[in-house]
Amino acid sequence: VGLRVQTTRKISRRGTLYGGLGFAWLETGDVLAELRQNWAGTFTLGWSWQQWSRVALKVQLDGQTSPYRDTEIQQLGDESMQLSFGASFLLSDKSVVDIGVIEDEWKVNVSPDFGVLVRYQRY
């Protein structure tokens, strides 16, 4: 079971601030059951700058708590945070392409060191 709340706020003619908080109640399972936390949380904080009518530049910070506890395996027991830079390109009134790069921050080696995002969305 999970819940996520998101909000967006226009802070200037071209700038938008957005964020979200979420949590998930985790069911016990067979894999590493003795180490599993009962819940995990996430957050997002981002800023979008719409300099041009069809392009928005973005920077975003995402973080997650660990779903496991009491383990020396850093990838399982530590929180993680990622920083993303990218842009959204409006192709038409109903379609957008997002392109970005993602870098692990704070406690490196918990999440992938580097990632690339390419997403097409049609409304």
PDB file of N, CA and C in Angstrom:
ATOM      1  N   VAL A   1       0.857  -1.164   0.000  1.00  0.00           N
ATOM      2  CA  VAL A   1       0.000   0.000   0.000  1.00  0.00           C
ATOM      3  C   VAL A   1       0.902   1.225   0.000  1.00  0.00           C
ATOM      4  N   GLY A   2       0.582   2.194  -0.842  1.00  0.00           N
ATOM      5  CA  GLY A   2       1.395   3.396  -0.896  1.00  0.00           C
ATOM      6  C   GLY A   2       0.558   4.634  -1.143  1.00  0.00           C
ATOM      7  N   LEU A   3       1.139   5.779  -0.843  1.00  0.00           N
ATOM      8  CA  LEU A   3       0.484   7.060  -1.066  1.00  0.00           C
ATOM      9  C   LEU A   3       1.554   8.063  -1.466  1.00  0.00           C
ATOM     10  N   ARG A   4       1.246   8.874  -2.467  1.00  0.00           N
ATOM     11  CA  ARG A   4       2.157   9.938  -2.903  1.00  0.00           C
ATOM     12  C   ARG A   4       1.354  11.205  -3.116  1.00  0.00           C
ATOM     13  N   VAL A   5       1.853  12.315  -2.601  1.00  0.00           N
ATOM     14  CA  VAL A   5       1.229  13.619  -2.749  1.00  0.00           C
ATOM     15  C   VAL A   5       2.201  14.509  -3.504  1.00  0.00           C
ATOM     16  N   GLN A   6       1.719  15.162  -4.558  1.00  0.00           N
ATOM     17  CA  GLN A   6       2.561  16.041  -5.365  1.00  0.00           C
ATOM     18  C   GLN A   6       1.905  17.401  -5.504  1.00  0.00           C
ATOM     19  N   THR A   7       2.733  18.410  -5.673  1.00  0.00           N
ATOM     20  CA  THR A   7       2.218  19.756  -5.854  1.00  0.00           C
ATOM     21  C   THR A   7       3.121  20.522  -6.822  1.00  0.00           C
ATOM     22  N   THR A   8       2.545  21.515  -7.460  1.00  0.00           N
ATOM     23  CA  THR A   8       3.265  22.377  -8.390  1.00  0.00           C
ATOM     24  C   THR A   8       2.906  23.821  -8.070  1.00  0.00           C
ATOM     25  N   ARG A   9       3.896  24.685  -8.094  1.00  0.00           N
ATOM     26  CA  ARG A   9       3.647  26.100  -7.797  1.00  0.00           C
ATOM     27  C   ARG A   9       4.434  26.970  -8.770  1.00  0.00           C
ATOM     28  N   LYS A  10       3.734  27.821  -9.494  1.00  0.00           N
ATOM     29  CA  LYS A  10       4.362  28.781 -10.404  1.00  0.00           C
ATOM     30  C   LYS A  10       4.983  29.872  -9.540  1.00  0.00           C
ATOM     31  N   ILE A  11       6.311  30.057  -9.642  1.00  0.00           N
ATOM     32  CA  ILE A  11       6.975  31.043  -8.786  1.00  0.00           C
ATOM     33  C   ILE A  11       7.379  32.300  -9.539  1.00  0.00           C
ATOM     34  N   SER A  12       7.304  32.249 -10.859  1.00  0.00           N
ATOM     35  CA  SER A  12       7.538  33.426 -11.686  1.00  0.00           C
ATOM     36  C   SER A  12       6.886  33.177 -13.040  1.00  0.00           C
ATOM     37  N   ARG A  13       7.028  34.123 -13.935  1.00  0.00           N
ATOM     38  CA  ARG A  13       6.413  33.949 -15.256  1.00  0.00           C
ATOM     39  C   ARG A  13       6.955  32.709 -15.976  1.00  0.00           C
ATOM     40  N   ARG A  14       8.218  32.396 -15.759  1.00  0.00           N
ATOM     41  CA  ARG A  14       8.842  31.263 -16.452  1.00  0.00           C
ATOM     42  C   ARG A  14       9.217  30.118 -15.528  1.00  0.00           C
ATOM     43  N   GLY A  15       9.233  30.341 -14.227  1.00  0.00           N
ATOM     44  CA  GLY A  15       9.709  29.325 -13.290  1.00  0.00           C
ATOM     45  C   GLY A  15       8.597  28.596 -12.556  1.00  0.00           C
ATOM     46  N   THR A  16       8.774  27.297 -12.396  1.00  0.00           N
ATOM     47  CA  THR A  16       7.824  26.461 -11.669  1.00  0.00           C
ATOM     48  C   THR A  16       8.592  25.596 -10.685  1.00  0.00           C
ATOM     49  N   LEU A  17       8.135  25.561  -9.461  1.00  0.00           N
ATOM     50  CA  LEU A  17       8.686  24.709  -8.422  1.00  0.00           C
ATOM     51  C   LEU A  17       7.709  23.561  -8.206  1.00  0.00           C
ATOM     52  N   TYR A  18       8.212  22.342  -8.085  1.00  0.00           N
ATOM     53  CA  TYR A  18       7.326  21.203  -7.851  1.00  0.00           C
ATOM     54  C   TYR A  18       7.962  20.247  -6.861  1.00  0.00           C
ATOM     55  N   GLY A  19       7.132  19.469  -6.220  1.00  0.00           N
ATOM     56  CA  GLY A  19       7.646  18.523  -5.237  1.00  0.00           C
ATOM     57  C   GLY A  19       6.631  17.470  -4.902  1.00  0.00           C
ATOM     58  N   GLY A  20       7.098  16.463  -4.206  1.00  0.00           N
ATOM     59  CA  GLY A  20       6.218  15.387  -3.798  1.00  0.00           C
ATOM     60  C   GLY A  20       6.808  14.603  -2.643  1.00  0.00           C
ATOM     61  N   LEU A  21       5.929  14.013  -1.864  1.00  0.00           N
ATOM     62  CA  LEU A  21       6.292  13.129  -0.762  1.00  0.00           C
ATOM     63  C   LEU A  21       5.475  11.855  -0.901  1.00  0.00           C
ATOM     64  N   GLY A  22       6.103  10.743  -0.598  1.00  0.00           N
ATOM     65  CA  GLY A  22       5.382   9.487  -0.688  1.00  0.00           C
ATOM     66  C   GLY A  22       5.877   8.489   0.326  1.00  0.00           C
ATOM     67  N   PHE A  23       5.055   7.495   0.583  1.00  0.00           N
ATOM     68  CA  PHE A  23       5.461   6.396   1.448  1.00  0.00           C
ATOM     69  C   PHE A  23       4.764   5.130   0.976  1.00  0.00           C
ATOM     70  N   ALA A  24       5.360   4.031   1.350  1.00  0.00           N
ATOM     71  CA  ALA A  24       4.771   2.728   1.031  1.00  0.00           C
ATOM     72  C   ALA A  24       4.870   1.845   2.264  1.00  0.00           C
ATOM     73  N   TRP A  25       3.790   1.199   2.593  1.00  0.00           N
ATOM     74  CA  TRP A  25       3.781   0.188   3.641  1.00  0.00           C
ATOM     75  C   TRP A  25       4.140  -1.123   2.968  1.00  0.00           C
ATOM     76  N   LEU A  26       5.208  -1.765   3.425  1.00  0.00           N
ATOM     77  CA  LEU A  26       5.741  -2.933   2.760  1.00  0.00           C
ATOM     78  C   LEU A  26       5.248  -4.219   3.407  1.00  0.00           C
ATOM     79  N   GLU A  27       4.748  -5.092   2.587  1.00  0.00           N
ATOM     80  CA  GLU A  27       4.302  -6.400   3.047  1.00  0.00           C
ATOM     81  C   GLU A  27       5.524  -7.270   3.317  1.00  0.00           C
ATOM     82  N   THR A  28       5.454  -8.093   4.326  1.00  0.00           N
ATOM     83  CA  THR A  28       6.566  -9.007   4.564  1.00  0.00           C
ATOM     84  C   THR A  28       6.590 -10.049   3.465  1.00  0.00           C
ATOM     85  N   GLY A  29       7.777 -10.467   3.115  1.00  0.00           N
ATOM     86  CA  GLY A  29       7.943 -11.455   2.054  1.00  0.00           C
ATOM     87  C   GLY A  29       8.971 -12.484   2.470  1.00  0.00           C
ATOM     88  N   ASP A  30       9.287 -13.374   1.579  1.00  0.00           N
ATOM     89  CA  ASP A  30      10.234 -14.446   1.883  1.00  0.00           C
ATOM     90  C   ASP A  30      11.690 -14.009   1.742  1.00  0.00           C
ATOM     91  N   VAL A  31      11.962 -13.047   0.870  1.00  0.00           N
ATOM     92  CA  VAL A  31      13.335 -12.634   0.610  1.00  0.00           C
ATOM     93  C   VAL A  31      13.767 -11.595   1.647  1.00  0.00           C
ATOM     94  N   LEU A  32      14.791 -11.924   2.419  1.00  0.00           N
ATOM     95  CA  LEU A  32      15.346 -11.037   3.449  1.00  0.00           C
ATOM     96  C   LEU A  32      14.277 -10.507   4.408  1.00  0.00           C
ATOM     97  N   ALA A  33      13.338 -11.338   4.764  1.00  0.00           N
ATOM     98  CA  ALA A  33      12.210 -10.917   5.607  1.00  0.00           C
ATOM     99  C   ALA A  33      12.662 -10.360   6.952  1.00  0.00           C
ATOM    100  N   GLU A  34      13.734 -10.908   7.512  1.00  0.00           N
ATOM    101  CA  GLU A  34      14.206 -10.446   8.822  1.00  0.00           C
ATOM    102  C   GLU A  34      14.840  -9.063   8.768  1.00  0.00           C
ATOM    103  N   LEU A  35      15.181  -8.584   7.571  1.00  0.00           N
ATOM    104  CA  LEU A  35      15.803  -7.267   7.411  1.00  0.00           C
ATOM    105  C   LEU A  35      14.850  -6.194   6.897  1.00  0.00           C
ATOM    106  N   ARG A  36      13.688  -6.584   6.471  1.00  0.00           N
ATOM    107  CA  ARG A  36      12.770  -5.657   5.813  1.00  0.00           C
ATOM    108  C   ARG A  36      12.166  -4.656   6.794  1.00  0.00           C
ATOM    109  N   GLN A  37      12.156  -3.394   6.367  1.00  0.00           N
ATOM    110  CA  GLN A  37      11.465  -2.343   7.120  1.00  0.00           C
ATOM    111  C   GLN A  37       9.962  -2.482   6.880  1.00  0.00           C
ATOM    112  N   ASN A  38       9.166  -1.895   7.749  1.00  0.00           N
ATOM    113  CA  ASN A  38       7.723  -1.900   7.551  1.00  0.00           C
ATOM    114  C   ASN A  38       7.264  -0.838   6.560  1.00  0.00           C
ATOM    115  N   TRP A  39       8.097   0.176   6.340  1.00  0.00           N
ATOM    116  CA  TRP A  39       7.714   1.252   5.424  1.00  0.00           C
ATOM    117  C   TRP A  39       8.947   1.825   4.736  1.00  0.00           C
ATOM    118  N   ALA A  40       8.710   2.523   3.642  1.00  0.00           N
ATOM    119  CA  ALA A  40       9.766   3.236   2.924  1.00  0.00           C
ATOM    120  C   ALA A  40       9.192   4.561   2.434  1.00  0.00           C
ATOM    121  N   GLY A  41      10.027   5.568   2.347  1.00  0.00           N
ATOM    122  CA  GLY A  41       9.559   6.886   1.925  1.00  0.00           C
ATOM    123  C   GLY A  41      10.344   7.429   0.752  1.00  0.00           C
ATOM    124  N   THR A  42       9.740   8.370   0.026  1.00  0.00           N
ATOM    125  CA  THR A  42      10.382   9.025  -1.105  1.00  0.00           C
ATOM    126  C   THR A  42      10.062  10.522  -1.076  1.00  0.00           C
ATOM    127  N   PHE A  43      10.923  11.293  -1.727  1.00  0.00           N
ATOM    128  CA  PHE A  43      10.612  12.708  -1.922  1.00  0.00           C
ATOM    129  C   PHE A  43      11.154  13.154  -3.272  1.00  0.00           C
ATOM    130  N   THR A  44      10.561  14.200  -3.804  1.00  0.00           N
ATOM    131  CA  THR A  44      11.004  14.839  -5.037  1.00  0.00           C
ATOM    132  C   THR A  44      10.914  16.344  -4.838  1.00  0.00           C
ATOM    133  N   LEU A  45      11.937  17.058  -5.296  1.00  0.00           N
ATOM    134  CA  LEU A  45      11.916  18.516  -5.308  1.00  0.00           C
ATOM    135  C   LEU A  45      12.545  18.949  -6.620  1.00  0.00           C
ATOM    136  N   GLY A  46      11.825  19.757  -7.391  1.00  0.00           N
ATOM    137  CA  GLY A  46      12.342  20.143  -8.691  1.00  0.00           C
ATOM    138  C   GLY A  46      11.981  21.562  -9.073  1.00  0.00           C
ATOM    139  N   TRP A  47      12.693  22.036 -10.083  1.00  0.00           N
ATOM    140  CA  TRP A  47      12.476  23.377 -10.607  1.00  0.00           C
ATOM    141  C   TRP A  47      12.517  23.301 -12.119  1.00  0.00           C
ATOM    142  N   SER A  48      11.560  23.938 -12.755  1.00  0.00           N
ATOM    143  CA  SER A  48      11.452  23.965 -14.209  1.00  0.00           C
ATOM    144  C   SER A  48      11.498  25.420 -14.676  1.00  0.00           C
ATOM    145  N   TRP A  49      12.289  25.673 -15.724  1.00  0.00           N
ATOM    146  CA  TRP A  49      12.436  27.011 -16.272  1.00  0.00           C
ATOM    147  C   TRP A  49      12.002  26.987 -17.730  1.00  0.00           C
ATOM    148  N   GLN A  50      10.879  27.634 -18.046  1.00  0.00           N
ATOM    149  CA  GLN A  50      10.295  27.649 -19.391  1.00  0.00           C
ATOM    150  C   GLN A  50      10.779  28.890 -20.130  1.00  0.00           C
ATOM    151  N   GLN A  51      12.011  28.847 -20.598  1.00  0.00           N
ATOM    152  CA  GLN A  51      12.598  29.991 -21.301  1.00  0.00           C
ATOM    153  C   GLN A  51      11.970  30.179 -22.688  1.00  0.00           C
ATOM    154  N   TRP A  52      11.678  29.083 -23.368  1.00  0.00           N
ATOM    155  CA  TRP A  52      11.109  29.115 -24.715  1.00  0.00           C
ATOM    156  C   TRP A  52       9.742  28.448 -24.683  1.00  0.00           C
ATOM    157  N   SER A  53       8.892  28.705 -25.663  1.00  0.00           N
ATOM    158  CA  SER A  53       7.518  28.202 -25.625  1.00  0.00           C
ATOM    159  C   SER A  53       7.433  26.686 -25.696  1.00  0.00           C
ATOM    160  N   ARG A  54       8.393  26.000 -26.330  1.00  0.00           N
ATOM    161  CA  ARG A  54       8.310  24.554 -26.495  1.00  0.00           C
ATOM    162  C   ARG A  54       9.382  23.780 -25.730  1.00  0.00           C
ATOM    163  N   VAL A  55      10.209  24.487 -24.932  1.00  0.00           N
ATOM    164  CA  VAL A  55      11.297  23.833 -24.204  1.00  0.00           C
ATOM    165  C   VAL A  55      11.306  24.315 -22.754  1.00  0.00           C
ATOM    166  N   ALA A  56      11.393  23.373 -21.833  1.00  0.00           N
ATOM    167  CA  ALA A  56      11.529  23.692 -20.412  1.00  0.00           C
ATOM    168  C   ALA A  56      12.774  22.992 -19.871  1.00  0.00           C
ATOM    169  N   LEU A  57      13.677  23.750 -19.274  1.00  0.00           N
ATOM    170  CA  LEU A  57      14.857  23.183 -18.633  1.00  0.00           C
ATOM    171  C   LEU A  57      14.502  22.795 -17.209  1.00  0.00           C
ATOM    172  N   LYS A  58      15.063  21.664 -16.726  1.00  0.00           N
ATOM    173  CA  LYS A  58      14.664  21.171 -15.410  1.00  0.00           C
ATOM    174  C   LYS A  58      15.855  20.685 -14.601  1.00  0.00           C
ATOM    175  N   VAL A  59      15.742  20.837 -13.289  1.00  0.00           N
ATOM    176  CA  VAL A  59      16.661  20.232 -12.339  1.00  0.00           C
ATOM    177  C   VAL A  59      15.790  19.621 -11.241  1.00  0.00           C
ATOM    178  N   GLN A  60      16.153  18.415 -10.794  1.00  0.00           N
ATOM    179  CA  GLN A  60      15.291  17.698  -9.856  1.00  0.00           C
ATOM    180  C   GLN A  60      16.141  16.881  -8.897  1.00  0.00           C
ATOM    181  N   LEU A  61      15.729  16.838  -7.640  1.00  0.00           N
ATOM    182  CA  LEU A  61      16.373  16.045  -6.608  1.00  0.00           C
ATOM    183  C   LEU A  61      15.371  15.007  -6.110  1.00  0.00           C
ATOM    184  N   ASP A  62      15.774  13.734  -6.111  1.00  0.00           N
ATOM    185  CA  ASP A  62      14.915  12.645  -5.637  1.00  0.00           C
ATOM    186  C   ASP A  62      15.643  11.888  -4.540  1.00  0.00           C
ATOM    187  N   GLY A  63      14.910  11.460  -3.533  1.00  0.00           N
ATOM    188  CA  GLY A  63      15.498  10.677  -2.450  1.00  0.00           C
ATOM    189  C   GLY A  63      14.578   9.563  -2.016  1.00  0.00           C
ATOM    190  N   GLN A  64      15.179   8.506  -1.484  1.00  0.00           N
ATOM    191  CA  GLN A  64      14.430   7.352  -1.013  1.00  0.00           C
ATOM    192  C   GLN A  64      15.050   6.844   0.280  1.00  0.00           C
ATOM    193  N   THR A  65      14.204   6.369   1.176  1.00  0.00           N
ATOM    194  CA  THR A  65      14.698   5.668   2.350  1.00  0.00           C
ATOM    195  C   THR A  65      14.937   4.214   1.963  1.00  0.00           C
ATOM    196  N   SER A  66      15.633   3.509   2.804  1.00  0.00           N
ATOM    197  CA  SER A  66      15.938   2.113   2.528  1.00  0.00           C
ATOM    198  C   SER A  66      14.787   1.206   2.966  1.00  0.00           C
ATOM    199  N   PRO A  67      14.457   0.192   2.170  1.00  0.00           N
ATOM    200  CA  PRO A  67      13.438  -0.758   2.600  1.00  0.00           C
ATOM    201  C   PRO A  67      13.996  -1.833   3.543  1.00  0.00           C
ATOM    202  N   TYR A  68      15.320  -1.804   3.822  1.00  0.00           N
ATOM    203  CA  TYR A  68      15.945  -2.798   4.698  1.00  0.00           C
ATOM    204  C   TYR A  68      16.664  -2.113   5.844  1.00  0.00           C
ATOM    205  N   ARG A  69      16.904  -2.834   6.924  1.00  0.00           N
ATOM    206  CA  ARG A  69      17.578  -2.300   8.105  1.00  0.00           C
ATOM    207  C   ARG A  69      18.626  -3.302   8.588  1.00  0.00           C
ATOM    208  N   ASP A  70      19.508  -2.842   9.431  1.00  0.00           N
ATOM    209  CA  ASP A  70      20.496  -3.695  10.098  1.00  0.00           C
ATOM    210  C   ASP A  70      21.286  -4.567   9.131  1.00  0.00           C
ATOM    211  N   THR A  71      21.729  -3.986   8.025  1.00  0.00           N
ATOM    212  CA  THR A  71      22.570  -4.720   7.092  1.00  0.00           C
ATOM    213  C   THR A  71      23.807  -3.896   6.781  1.00  0.00           C
ATOM    214  N   GLU A  72      24.930  -4.567   6.605  1.00  0.00           N
ATOM    215  CA  GLU A  72      26.163  -3.887   6.245  1.00  0.00           C
ATOM    216  C   GLU A  72      26.289  -3.720   4.734  1.00  0.00           C
ATOM    217  N   ILE A  73      25.351  -4.250   3.984  1.00  0.00           N
ATOM    218  CA  ILE A  73      25.360  -4.098   2.530  1.00  0.00           C
ATOM    219  C   ILE A  73      24.791  -2.720   2.220  1.00  0.00           C
ATOM    220  N   GLN A  74      25.669  -1.813   1.811  1.00  0.00           N
ATOM    221  CA  GLN A  74      25.296  -0.410   1.620  1.00  0.00           C
ATOM    222  C   GLN A  74      24.140  -0.246   0.636  1.00  0.00           C
ATOM    223  N   GLN A  75      24.120  -1.005  -0.444  1.00  0.00           N
ATOM    224  CA  GLN A  75      23.087  -0.872  -1.469  1.00  0.00           C
ATOM    225  C   GLN A  75      21.704  -1.269  -0.939  1.00  0.00           C
ATOM    226  N   LEU A  76      21.643  -2.057   0.115  1.00  0.00           N
ATOM    227  CA  LEU A  76      20.356  -2.460   0.678  1.00  0.00           C
ATOM    228  C   LEU A  76      19.955  -1.637   1.897  1.00  0.00           C
ATOM    229  N   GLY A  77      20.925  -1.180   2.672  1.00  0.00           N
ATOM    230  CA  GLY A  77      20.594  -0.581   3.952  1.00  0.00           C
ATOM    231  C   GLY A  77      20.661   0.922   4.041  1.00  0.00           C
ATOM    232  N   ASP A  78      21.143   1.595   3.010  1.00  0.00           N
ATOM    233  CA  ASP A  78      21.293   3.049   3.089  1.00  0.00           C
ATOM    234  C   ASP A  78      20.244   3.781   2.254  1.00  0.00           C
ATOM    235  N   GLU A  79      19.978   5.016   2.657  1.00  0.00           N
ATOM    236  CA  GLU A  79      19.120   5.893   1.870  1.00  0.00           C
ATOM    237  C   GLU A  79      19.873   6.301   0.620  1.00  0.00           C
ATOM    238  N   SER A  80      19.149   6.820  -0.359  1.00  0.00           N
ATOM    239  CA  SER A  80      19.820   7.287  -1.572  1.00  0.00           C
ATOM    240  C   SER A  80      19.223   8.605  -2.039  1.00  0.00           C
ATOM    241  N   MET A  81      20.006   9.311  -2.857  1.00  0.00           N
ATOM    242  CA  MET A  81      19.553  10.569  -3.422  1.00  0.00           C
ATOM    243  C   MET A  81      20.144  10.708  -4.821  1.00  0.00           C
ATOM    244  N   GLN A  82      19.331  11.185  -5.763  1.00  0.00           N
ATOM    245  CA  GLN A  82      19.783  11.384  -7.132  1.00  0.00           C
ATOM    246  C   GLN A  82      19.461  12.810  -7.570  1.00  0.00           C
ATOM    247  N   LEU A  83      20.375  13.379  -8.369  1.00  0.00           N
ATOM    248  CA  LEU A  83      20.203  14.711  -8.928  1.00  0.00           C
ATOM    249  C   LEU A  83      20.063  14.567 -10.439  1.00  0.00           C
ATOM    250  N   SER A  84      19.024  15.176 -11.004  1.00  0.00           N
ATOM    251  CA  SER A  84      18.749  15.069 -12.438  1.00  0.00           C
ATOM    252  C   SER A  84      18.775  16.444 -13.091  1.00  0.00           C
ATOM    253  N   PHE A  85      19.312  16.482 -14.308  1.00  0.00           N
ATOM    254  CA  PHE A  85      19.290  17.678 -15.154  1.00  0.00           C
ATOM    255  C   PHE A  85      18.716  17.269 -16.494  1.00  0.00           C
ATOM    256  N   GLY A  86      17.847  18.107 -17.060  1.00  0.00           N
ATOM    257  CA  GLY A  86      17.297  17.747 -18.355  1.00  0.00           C
ATOM    258  C   GLY A  86      16.401  18.820 -18.923  1.00  0.00           C
ATOM    259  N   ALA A  87      15.595  18.387 -19.898  1.00  0.00           N
ATOM    260  CA  ALA A  87      14.681  19.304 -20.573  1.00  0.00           C
ATOM    261  C   ALA A  87      13.469  18.534 -21.064  1.00  0.00           C
ATOM    262  N   SER A  88      12.354  19.251 -21.159  1.00  0.00           N
ATOM    263  CA  SER A  88      11.133  18.725 -21.767  1.00  0.00           C
ATOM    264  C   SER A  88      10.904  19.483 -23.066  1.00  0.00           C
ATOM    265  N   PHE A  89      10.616  18.734 -24.126  1.00  0.00           N
ATOM    266  CA  PHE A  89      10.380  19.318 -25.440  1.00  0.00           C
ATOM    267  C   PHE A  89       8.939  19.044 -25.848  1.00  0.00           C
ATOM    268  N   LEU A  90       8.159  20.086 -26.023  1.00  0.00           N
ATOM    269  CA  LEU A  90       6.767  19.954 -26.451  1.00  0.00           C
ATOM    270  C   LEU A  90       6.749  19.734 -27.957  1.00  0.00           C
ATOM    271  N   LEU A  91       6.342  18.525 -28.387  1.00  0.00           N
ATOM    272  CA  LEU A  91       6.312  18.198 -29.816  1.00  0.00           C
ATOM    273  C   LEU A  91       5.014  18.643 -30.470  1.00  0.00           C
ATOM    274  N   SER A  92       3.925  18.551 -29.705  1.00  0.00           N
ATOM    275  CA  SER A  92       2.607  18.991 -30.166  1.00  0.00           C
ATOM    276  C   SER A  92       1.796  19.325 -28.930  1.00  0.00           C
ATOM    277  N   ASP A  93       0.524  19.662 -29.122  1.00  0.00           N
ATOM    278  CA  ASP A  93      -0.333  19.950 -27.965  1.00  0.00           C
ATOM    279  C   ASP A  93      -0.549  18.721 -27.093  1.00  0.00           C
ATOM    280  N   LYS A  94      -0.268  17.529 -27.624  1.00  0.00           N
ATOM    281  CA  LYS A  94      -0.555  16.301 -26.900  1.00  0.00           C
ATOM    282  C   LYS A  94       0.647  15.395 -26.679  1.00  0.00           C
ATOM    283  N   SER A  95       1.859  15.837 -27.016  1.00  0.00           N
ATOM    284  CA  SER A  95       3.012  14.959 -26.824  1.00  0.00           C
ATOM    285  C   SER A  95       4.254  15.733 -26.382  1.00  0.00           C
ATOM    286  N   VAL A  96       5.031  15.095 -25.500  1.00  0.00           N
ATOM    287  CA  VAL A  96       6.228  15.681 -24.905  1.00  0.00           C
ATOM    288  C   VAL A  96       7.338  14.635 -24.895  1.00  0.00           C
ATOM    289  N   VAL A  97       8.571  15.072 -25.125  1.00  0.00           N
ATOM    290  CA  VAL A  97       9.745  14.224 -24.952  1.00  0.00           C
ATOM    291  C   VAL A  97      10.587  14.834 -23.835  1.00  0.00           C
ATOM    292  N   ASP A  98      10.932  14.004 -22.852  1.00  0.00           N
ATOM    293  CA  ASP A  98      11.824  14.405 -21.770  1.00  0.00           C
ATOM    294  C   ASP A  98      13.174  13.738 -21.987  1.00  0.00           C
ATOM    295  N   ILE A  99      14.242  14.508 -21.834  1.00  0.00           N
ATOM    296  CA  ILE A  99      15.600  13.986 -21.949  1.00  0.00           C
ATOM    297  C   ILE A  99      16.382  14.503 -20.743  1.00  0.00           C
ATOM    298  N   GLY A 100      17.125  13.621 -20.090  1.00  0.00           N
ATOM    299  CA  GLY A 100      17.887  14.059 -18.935  1.00  0.00           C
ATOM    300  C   GLY A 100      18.993  13.111 -18.554  1.00  0.00           C
ATOM    301  N   VAL A 101      19.856  13.570 -17.658  1.00  0.00           N
ATOM    302  CA  VAL A 101      20.902  12.754 -17.066  1.00  0.00           C
ATOM    303  C   VAL A 101      20.700  12.742 -15.554  1.00  0.00           C
ATOM    304  N   ILE A 102      21.009  11.611 -14.951  1.00  0.00           N
ATOM    305  CA  ILE A 102      20.792  11.399 -13.524  1.00  0.00           C
ATOM    306  C   ILE A 102      22.115  10.995 -12.893  1.00  0.00           C
ATOM    307  N   GLU A 103      22.452  11.615 -11.783  1.00  0.00           N
ATOM    308  CA  GLU A 103      23.708  11.345 -11.100  1.00  0.00           C
ATOM    309  C   GLU A 103      23.414  11.032  -9.640  1.00  0.00           C
ATOM    310  N   ASP A 104      24.076   9.998  -9.101  1.00  0.00           N
ATOM    311  CA  ASP A 104      23.877   9.715  -7.684  1.00  0.00           C
ATOM    312  C   ASP A 104      24.594  10.769  -6.856  1.00  0.00           C
ATOM    313  N   GLU A 105      23.969  11.180  -5.805  1.00  0.00           N
ATOM    314  CA  GLU A 105      24.506  12.170  -4.876  1.00  0.00           C
ATOM    315  C   GLU A 105      24.430  11.559  -3.484  1.00  0.00           C
ATOM    316  N   TRP A 106      25.123  12.089  -2.562  1.00  0.00           N
ATOM    317  CA  TRP A 106      25.010  11.687  -1.170  1.00  0.00           C
ATOM    318  C   TRP A 106      24.969  10.173  -1.024  1.00  0.00           C
ATOM    319  N   LYS A 107      25.951   9.604  -0.449  1.00  0.00           N
ATOM    320  CA  LYS A 107      26.096   8.156  -0.275  1.00  0.00           C
ATOM    321  C   LYS A 107      26.171   7.455  -1.626  1.00  0.00           C
ATOM    322  N   VAL A 108      27.217   7.768  -2.343  1.00  0.00           N
ATOM    323  CA  VAL A 108      27.402   7.148  -3.657  1.00  0.00           C
ATOM    324  C   VAL A 108      27.521   5.636  -3.502  1.00  0.00           C
ATOM    325  N   ASN A 109      27.274   4.919  -4.555  1.00  0.00           N
ATOM    326  CA  ASN A 109      27.272   3.456  -4.623  1.00  0.00           C
ATOM    327  C   ASN A 109      25.995   2.822  -4.084  1.00  0.00           C
ATOM    328  N   VAL A 110      25.056   3.619  -3.631  1.00  0.00           N
ATOM    329  CA  VAL A 110      23.769   3.072  -3.199  1.00  0.00           C
ATOM    330  C   VAL A 110      22.824   2.971  -4.396  1.00  0.00           C
ATOM    331  N   SER A 111      22.909   3.922  -5.292  1.00  0.00           N
ATOM    332  CA  SER A 111      22.117   3.895  -6.527  1.00  0.00           C
ATOM    333  C   SER A 111      23.095   3.944  -7.705  1.00  0.00           C
ATOM    334  N   PRO A 112      22.615   3.697  -8.917  1.00  0.00           N
ATOM    335  CA  PRO A 112      23.520   3.752 -10.072  1.00  0.00           C
ATOM    336  C   PRO A 112      24.256   5.086 -10.147  1.00  0.00           C
ATOM    337  N   ASP A 113      25.520   5.033 -10.568  1.00  0.00           N
ATOM    338  CA  ASP A 113      26.367   6.211 -10.619  1.00  0.00           C
ATOM    339  C   ASP A 113      25.874   7.243 -11.627  1.00  0.00           C
ATOM    340  N   PHE A 114      25.338   6.773 -12.748  1.00  0.00           N
ATOM    341  CA  PHE A 114      24.952   7.674 -13.825  1.00  0.00           C
ATOM    342  C   PHE A 114      23.794   7.032 -14.586  1.00  0.00           C
ATOM    343  N   GLY A 115      22.837   7.837 -14.997  1.00  0.00           N
ATOM    344  CA  GLY A 115      21.719   7.326 -15.776  1.00  0.00           C
ATOM    345  C   GLY A 115      21.303   8.315 -16.846  1.00  0.00           C
ATOM    346  N   VAL A 116      20.617   7.810 -17.849  1.00  0.00           N
ATOM    347  CA  VAL A 116      20.097   8.636 -18.933  1.00  0.00           C
ATOM    348  C   VAL A 116      18.601   8.394 -19.013  1.00  0.00           C
ATOM    349  N   LEU A 117      17.837   9.460 -19.131  1.00  0.00           N
ATOM    350  CA  LEU A 117      16.387   9.375 -19.234  1.00  0.00           C
ATOM    351  C   LEU A 117      15.948   9.873 -20.604  1.00  0.00           C
ATOM    352  N   VAL A 118      15.156   9.074 -21.285  1.00  0.00           N
ATOM    353  CA  VAL A 118      14.480   9.492 -22.510  1.00  0.00           C
ATOM    354  C   VAL A 118      13.062   8.977 -22.392  1.00  0.00           C
ATOM    355  N   ARG A 119      12.097   9.887 -22.384  1.00  0.00           N
ATOM    356  CA  ARG A 119      10.701   9.478 -22.192  1.00  0.00           C
ATOM    357  C   ARG A 119       9.815  10.238 -23.186  1.00  0.00           C
ATOM    358  N   TYR A 120       8.929   9.497 -23.800  1.00  0.00           N
ATOM    359  CA  TYR A 120       7.913  10.086 -24.689  1.00  0.00           C
ATOM    360  C   TYR A 120       6.580   9.929 -23.995  1.00  0.00           C
ATOM    361  N   GLN A 121       5.809  10.993 -23.932  1.00  0.00           N
ATOM    362  CA  GLN A 121       4.514  10.968 -23.268  1.00  0.00           C
ATOM    363  C   GLN A 121       3.463  11.599 -24.178  1.00  0.00           C
ATOM    364  N   ARG A 122       2.366  10.904 -24.341  1.00  0.00           N
ATOM    365  CA  ARG A 122       1.245  11.411 -25.143  1.00  0.00           C
ATOM    366  C   ARG A 122       0.037  11.524 -24.222  1.00  0.00           C
ATOM    367  N   TYR A 123      -0.629  12.668 -24.283  1.00  0.00           N
ATOM    368  CA  TYR A 123      -1.787  12.929 -23.418  1.00  0.00           C
ATOM    369  C   TYR A 123      -3.068  12.523 -24.095  1.00  0.00           C
TER     370      TYR A 123
END
